[in-house]
Each structure stands twice: as C-alpha cells, then as structure tokens.
Amino acid sequence: MQTAPGRPPLRRRAALPLAGLALVAPALLSVLVFFVLPLAASVEGAFRTPEGRGLANFVKLAELYRADILFTLLSVGLSILLTGLIATAIAGYLTLGQNPRAVAILRWLCRWPLDASFSTPGLADAAMLGSWLDWCGIVLAFVRKQTPVVTPLLAGAMAARP
C-alpha cells in the first residue's frame, strides 16, 4: 500500500487516535463525573416539585428574590455604562491626545489604587471605605476597578483603527 510522502503508514495512523483517547480518558472521565453529572442532576432537580415537574421553584425564586435581582441588574447595568463611558473618554484622549502631560496624568490615574483615591486627599479614611456597601459604593468600586482594565483595550482598538 502506497502512502503520501511524509505521512505514516495507514496502520500506524489508525492507532494514534486510540492512543490520544487513552491519554485524555482520565481527564474526560473526571469532567464527566465531577462536573457534567452534578450539573445535570442540579438542572433536573430545579424542575422537580412535590407535585411532579414544573416551574414552581422558579416562581418561588422570583417571589423571594425579585428585589435583589433587580438591584443587581441595575447596579451592574449602571456600572457597565459608566465604565464604558469613562474608559472610552480616557482611551480616546490617550490615543488622540496632543498634550503629553495630560496623557501621562491619565495613565497615572489608571494605576492609582482605590483606597489612595479617597484616603490620601482626606476625603475618607480607609476604615470608612469598607462601609460603602449601598448601591453607590458598589457602583463606584466596580467602575474604579474596571476602568483601568477596559481603557487599554479600548485604546489599543482605537490606535489600531485606520
């Protein structure tokens, strides 16, 4: 039997997938036993009710946690919106800015720690920052922590654009 130059004979090629499968079988088995089966049992259990199967558990979930879910969605939505607006403005100036001093200041601000943002100028002490657990504190912390992550991504995308 002729084979193409540089390719192993047919018999040897057929054995390679079996060897590869034997190498990954323990990992696949672990994923199946420890992740896929428990996930399937959880999904099935979510629809199980004393009367049989149905959506009663989800109706109860909505009744009990509607306010918390709404609070989370609004906080996350506002945080994403503010992060996007601020990061876009900073990235635009970092990419198109003409003043090197202003660009350097914006780069420095993106690396400034959150506690130092308020405690150094005397606006708040570090112990008080932990008590900002209402929606304003959550949004402020998220925006402050995510803006430096999003800004370089946007600046790179803006700089690569012709």
C-alpha atoms as a PDB file:
ATOM      1  CA  MET A   1       0.000   0.000   0.000  1.00  0.00           C
ATOM      2  CA  GLN A   2       1.411   3.329  -1.041  1.00  0.00           C
ATOM      3  CA  THR A   3       1.173   6.397   1.241  1.00  0.00           C
ATOM      4  CA  ALA A   4       1.917  10.018   0.577  1.00  0.00           C
ATOM      5  CA  PRO A   5       5.490  11.087   1.320  1.00  0.00           C
ATOM      6  CA  GLY A   6       5.911  12.245   4.892  1.00  0.00           C
ATOM      7  CA  ARG A   7       2.746  10.526   6.155  1.00  0.00           C
ATOM      8  CA  PRO A   8       2.857   7.463   8.410  1.00  0.00           C
ATOM      9  CA  PRO A   9       1.531   4.151   7.082  1.00  0.00           C
ATOM     10  CA  LEU A  10      -2.222   3.617   7.398  1.00  0.00           C
ATOM     11  CA  ARG A  11      -1.976   1.113  10.259  1.00  0.00           C
ATOM     12  CA  ARG A  12       0.034   3.497  12.425  1.00  0.00           C
ATOM     13  CA  ARG A  13      -2.289   6.448  11.779  1.00  0.00           C
ATOM     14  CA  ALA A  14      -5.322   4.472  12.922  1.00  0.00           C
ATOM     15  CA  ALA A  15      -3.630   3.674  16.229  1.00  0.00           C
ATOM     16  CA  LEU A  16      -2.830   7.302  17.010  1.00  0.00           C
ATOM     17  CA  PRO A  17      -6.425   8.413  17.817  1.00  0.00           C
ATOM     18  CA  LEU A  18      -6.825   5.479  20.187  1.00  0.00           C
ATOM     19  CA  ALA A  19      -3.600   6.383  21.980  1.00  0.00           C
ATOM     20  CA  GLY A  20      -4.725  10.001  22.210  1.00  0.00           C
ATOM     21  CA  LEU A  21      -8.106   8.950  23.548  1.00  0.00           C
ATOM     22  CA  ALA A  22      -6.411   6.759  26.150  1.00  0.00           C
ATOM     23  CA  LEU A  23      -4.346   9.754  27.278  1.00  0.00           C
ATOM     24  CA  VAL A  24      -7.299  12.092  27.695  1.00  0.00           C
ATOM     25  CA  ALA A  25      -9.762   9.492  29.015  1.00  0.00           C
ATOM     26  CA  PRO A  26      -8.953  10.106  32.724  1.00  0.00           C
ATOM     27  CA  ALA A  27      -9.470  13.850  32.318  1.00  0.00           C
ATOM     28  CA  LEU A  28     -12.694  13.346  30.359  1.00  0.00           C
ATOM     29  CA  LEU A  29     -13.944  10.898  32.963  1.00  0.00           C
ATOM     30  CA  SER A  30     -13.158  13.373  35.765  1.00  0.00           C
ATOM     31  CA  VAL A  31     -15.005  16.174  33.980  1.00  0.00           C
ATOM     32  CA  LEU A  32     -17.965  13.883  33.378  1.00  0.00           C
ATOM     33  CA  VAL A  33     -18.143  12.589  36.972  1.00  0.00           C
ATOM     34  CA  PHE A  34     -17.376  15.814  38.831  1.00  0.00           C
ATOM     35  CA  PHE A  35     -18.982  18.462  36.593  1.00  0.00           C
ATOM     36  CA  VAL A  36     -21.378  17.179  33.928  1.00  0.00           C
ATOM     37  CA  LEU A  37     -23.302  14.678  36.048  1.00  0.00           C
ATOM     38  CA  PRO A  38     -23.754  17.062  39.038  1.00  0.00           C
ATOM     39  CA  LEU A  39     -24.818  19.830  36.633  1.00  0.00           C
ATOM     40  CA  ALA A  40     -27.386  17.528  35.024  1.00  0.00           C
ATOM     41  CA  ALA A  41     -28.671  16.471  38.466  1.00  0.00           C
ATOM     42  CA  SER A  42     -28.971  20.133  39.517  1.00  0.00           C
ATOM     43  CA  VAL A  43     -30.857  21.116  36.387  1.00  0.00           C
ATOM     44  CA  GLU A  44     -33.186  18.150  36.764  1.00  0.00           C
ATOM     45  CA  GLY A  45     -33.694  18.922  40.467  1.00  0.00           C
ATOM     46  CA  ALA A  46     -34.554  22.549  39.741  1.00  0.00           C
ATOM     47  CA  PHE A  47     -37.674  21.422  37.894  1.00  0.00           C
ATOM     48  CA  ARG A  48     -38.674  18.752  40.467  1.00  0.00           C
ATOM     49  CA  THR A  49     -41.550  19.759  42.750  1.00  0.00           C
ATOM     50  CA  PRO A  50     -43.643  17.783  45.261  1.00  0.00           C
ATOM     51  CA  GLU A  51     -46.408  17.616  42.647  1.00  0.00           C
ATOM     52  CA  GLY A  52     -44.099  16.339  39.906  1.00  0.00           C
ATOM     53  CA  ARG A  53     -42.233  18.523  37.420  1.00  0.00           C
ATOM     54  CA  GLY A  54     -42.846  22.172  36.747  1.00  0.00           C
ATOM     55  CA  LEU A  55     -41.747  25.773  37.129  1.00  0.00           C
ATOM     56  CA  ALA A  56     -42.986  26.250  40.710  1.00  0.00           C
ATOM     57  CA  ASN A  57     -39.438  26.562  42.055  1.00  0.00           C
ATOM     58  CA  PHE A  58     -38.695  29.382  39.624  1.00  0.00           C
ATOM     59  CA  VAL A  59     -41.931  31.177  40.506  1.00  0.00           C
ATOM     60  CA  LYS A  60     -40.972  30.987  44.202  1.00  0.00           C
ATOM     61  CA  LEU A  61     -37.478  32.229  43.368  1.00  0.00           C
ATOM     62  CA  ALA A  62     -38.943  35.252  41.581  1.00  0.00           C
ATOM     63  CA  GLU A  63     -41.259  35.988  44.512  1.00  0.00           C
ATOM     64  CA  LEU A  64     -38.487  35.804  47.116  1.00  0.00           C
ATOM     65  CA  TYR A  65     -35.624  37.473  45.261  1.00  0.00           C
ATOM     66  CA  ARG A  66     -37.232  39.865  42.781  1.00  0.00           C
ATOM     67  CA  ALA A  67     -35.908  42.962  44.577  1.00  0.00           C
ATOM     68  CA  ASP A  68     -32.396  41.508  44.900  1.00  0.00           C
ATOM     69  CA  ILE A  69     -32.287  40.505  41.245  1.00  0.00           C
ATOM     70  CA  LEU A  70     -33.489  43.945  40.174  1.00  0.00           C
ATOM     71  CA  PHE A  71     -30.929  45.637  42.465  1.00  0.00           C
ATOM     72  CA  THR A  72     -28.159  43.508  40.956  1.00  0.00           C
ATOM     73  CA  LEU A  73     -29.215  44.154  37.365  1.00  0.00           C
ATOM     74  CA  LEU A  74     -29.480  47.914  37.908  1.00  0.00           C
ATOM     75  CA  SER A  75     -26.146  48.126  39.763  1.00  0.00           C
ATOM     76  CA  VAL A  76     -24.347  46.094  37.124  1.00  0.00           C
ATOM     77  CA  GLY A  77     -26.007  47.971  34.270  1.00  0.00           C
ATOM     78  CA  LEU A  78     -25.097  51.368  35.693  1.00  0.00           C
ATOM     79  CA  SER A  79     -21.555  50.183  36.436  1.00  0.00           C
ATOM     80  CA  ILE A  80     -21.053  48.887  32.906  1.00  0.00           C
ATOM     81  CA  LEU A  81     -22.471  52.075  31.397  1.00  0.00           C
ATOM     82  CA  LEU A  82     -20.257  54.358  33.496  1.00  0.00           C
ATOM     83  CA  THR A  83     -17.188  52.182  32.955  1.00  0.00           C
ATOM     84  CA  GLY A  84     -17.762  52.217  29.215  1.00  0.00           C
ATOM     85  CA  LEU A  85     -18.240  55.981  29.063  1.00  0.00           C
ATOM     86  CA  ILE A  86     -15.254  56.835  31.257  1.00  0.00           C
ATOM     87  CA  ALA A  87     -12.941  54.266  29.643  1.00  0.00           C
ATOM     88  CA  THR A  88     -13.931  55.431  26.153  1.00  0.00           C
ATOM     89  CA  ALA A  89     -13.239  59.052  27.028  1.00  0.00           C
ATOM     90  CA  ILE A  90      -9.853  58.235  28.580  1.00  0.00           C
ATOM     91  CA  ALA A  91      -8.875  55.844  25.770  1.00  0.00           C
ATOM     92  CA  GLY A  92      -9.851  58.403  23.168  1.00  0.00           C
ATOM     93  CA  TYR A  93      -7.661  61.032  24.768  1.00  0.00           C
ATOM     94  CA  LEU A  94      -4.786  58.582  25.293  1.00  0.00           C
ATOM     95  CA  THR A  95      -4.967  57.709  21.589  1.00  0.00           C
ATOM     96  CA  LEU A  96      -5.649  61.124  20.099  1.00  0.00           C
ATOM     97  CA  GLY A  97      -4.446  63.482  22.834  1.00  0.00           C
ATOM     98  CA  GLN A  98      -1.958  66.160  21.854  1.00  0.00           C
ATOM     99  CA  ASN A  99      -0.814  67.179  25.340  1.00  0.00           C
ATOM    100  CA  PRO A 100       1.856  64.717  26.583  1.00  0.00           C
ATOM    101  CA  ARG A 101       1.465  65.895  30.185  1.00  0.00           C
ATOM    102  CA  ALA A 102      -2.299  65.221  30.157  1.00  0.00           C
ATOM    103  CA  VAL A 103      -1.727  61.784  28.612  1.00  0.00           C
ATOM    104  CA  ALA A 104       0.838  60.993  31.340  1.00  0.00           C
ATOM    105  CA  ILE A 105      -1.594  62.116  34.074  1.00  0.00           C
ATOM    106  CA  LEU A 106      -4.383  59.918  32.655  1.00  0.00           C
ATOM    107  CA  ARG A 107      -2.037  56.926  32.500  1.00  0.00           C
ATOM    108  CA  TRP A 108      -1.041  57.557  36.120  1.00  0.00           C
ATOM    109  CA  LEU A 109      -4.668  57.862  37.251  1.00  0.00           C
ATOM    110  CA  CYS A 110      -5.462  54.465  35.739  1.00  0.00           C
ATOM    111  CA  ARG A 111      -2.844  52.922  38.019  1.00  0.00           C
ATOM    112  CA  TRP A 112      -3.817  54.747  41.221  1.00  0.00           C
ATOM    113  CA  PRO A 113      -5.174  52.411  43.944  1.00  0.00           C
ATOM    114  CA  LEU A 114      -8.788  52.811  45.054  1.00  0.00           C
ATOM    115  CA  ASP A 115      -8.033  53.455  48.753  1.00  0.00           C
ATOM    116  CA  ALA A 116      -5.492  56.113  47.861  1.00  0.00           C
ATOM    117  CA  SER A 117      -8.100  57.820  45.664  1.00  0.00           C
ATOM    118  CA  PHE A 118     -10.120  58.838  48.710  1.00  0.00           C
ATOM    119  CA  SER A 119      -7.895  58.498  51.757  1.00  0.00           C
ATOM    120  CA  THR A 120      -4.824  60.435  50.531  1.00  0.00           C
ATOM    121  CA  PRO A 121      -6.658  63.727  49.912  1.00  0.00           C
ATOM    122  CA  GLY A 122      -8.547  63.260  53.204  1.00  0.00           C
ATOM    123  CA  LEU A 123     -11.940  62.576  51.638  1.00  0.00           C
ATOM    124  CA  ALA A 124     -12.336  59.328  53.596  1.00  0.00           C
ATOM    125  CA  ASP A 125     -10.364  57.103  55.915  1.00  0.00           C
ATOM    126  CA  ALA A 126      -9.594  53.546  54.829  1.00  0.00           C
ATOM    127  CA  ALA A 127     -11.837  52.043  57.542  1.00  0.00           C
ATOM    128  CA  MET A 128     -14.832  54.043  56.308  1.00  0.00           C
ATOM    129  CA  LEU A 129     -14.407  52.809  52.732  1.00  0.00           C
ATOM    130  CA  GLY A 130     -15.488  49.317  53.789  1.00  0.00           C
ATOM    131  CA  SER A 131     -18.863  50.668  54.895  1.00  0.00           C
ATOM    132  CA  TRP A 132     -19.830  51.913  51.425  1.00  0.00           C
ATOM    133  CA  LEU A 133     -21.980  48.874  50.730  1.00  0.00           C
ATOM    134  CA  ASP A 134     -25.024  50.597  49.280  1.00  0.00           C
ATOM    135  CA  TRP A 135     -25.511  50.839  45.525  1.00  0.00           C
ATOM    136  CA  CYS A 136     -23.321  53.952  45.211  1.00  0.00           C
ATOM    137  CA  GLY A 137     -20.355  52.236  46.834  1.00  0.00           C
ATOM    138  CA  ILE A 138     -20.789  49.116  44.754  1.00  0.00           C
ATOM    139  CA  VAL A 139     -21.008  51.091  41.509  1.00  0.00           C
ATOM    140  CA  LEU A 140     -18.084  53.338  42.487  1.00  0.00           C
ATOM    141  CA  ALA A 141     -15.868  50.381  43.392  1.00  0.00           C
ATOM    142  CA  PHE A 142     -16.745  48.480  40.226  1.00  0.00           C
ATOM    143  CA  VAL A 143     -16.168  51.470  37.957  1.00  0.00           C
ATOM    144  CA  ARG A 144     -12.879  52.319  39.697  1.00  0.00           C
ATOM    145  CA  LYS A 145     -11.585  48.758  39.455  1.00  0.00           C
ATOM    146  CA  GLN A 146     -12.746  48.030  35.899  1.00  0.00           C
ATOM    147  CA  THR A 147     -11.949  51.311  34.140  1.00  0.00           C
ATOM    148  CA  PRO A 148      -8.161  50.663  34.148  1.00  0.00           C
ATOM    149  CA  VAL A 149      -8.810  47.204  32.700  1.00  0.00           C
ATOM    150  CA  VAL A 150     -11.113  48.391  29.923  1.00  0.00           C
ATOM    151  CA  THR A 151      -9.184  51.553  28.998  1.00  0.00           C
ATOM    152  CA  PRO A 152      -6.075  49.881  27.485  1.00  0.00           C
ATOM    153  CA  LEU A 153      -8.278  47.501  25.496  1.00  0.00           C
ATOM    154  CA  LEU A 154     -10.211  50.393  24.020  1.00  0.00           C
ATOM    155  CA  ALA A 155      -7.062  52.473  23.479  1.00  0.00           C
ATOM    156  CA  GLY A 156      -5.454  49.595  21.606  1.00  0.00           C
ATOM    157  CA  ALA A 157      -8.540  49.122  19.459  1.00  0.00           C
ATOM    158  CA  MET A 158      -8.686  52.853  18.743  1.00  0.00           C
ATOM    159  CA  ALA A 159      -4.979  53.003  17.892  1.00  0.00           C
ATOM    160  CA  ALA A 160      -5.276  50.059  15.507  1.00  0.00           C
ATOM    161  CA  ARG A 161      -8.127  51.661  13.634  1.00  0.00           C
ATOM    162  CA  PRO A 162      -7.020  53.348  10.375  1.00  0.00           C
END
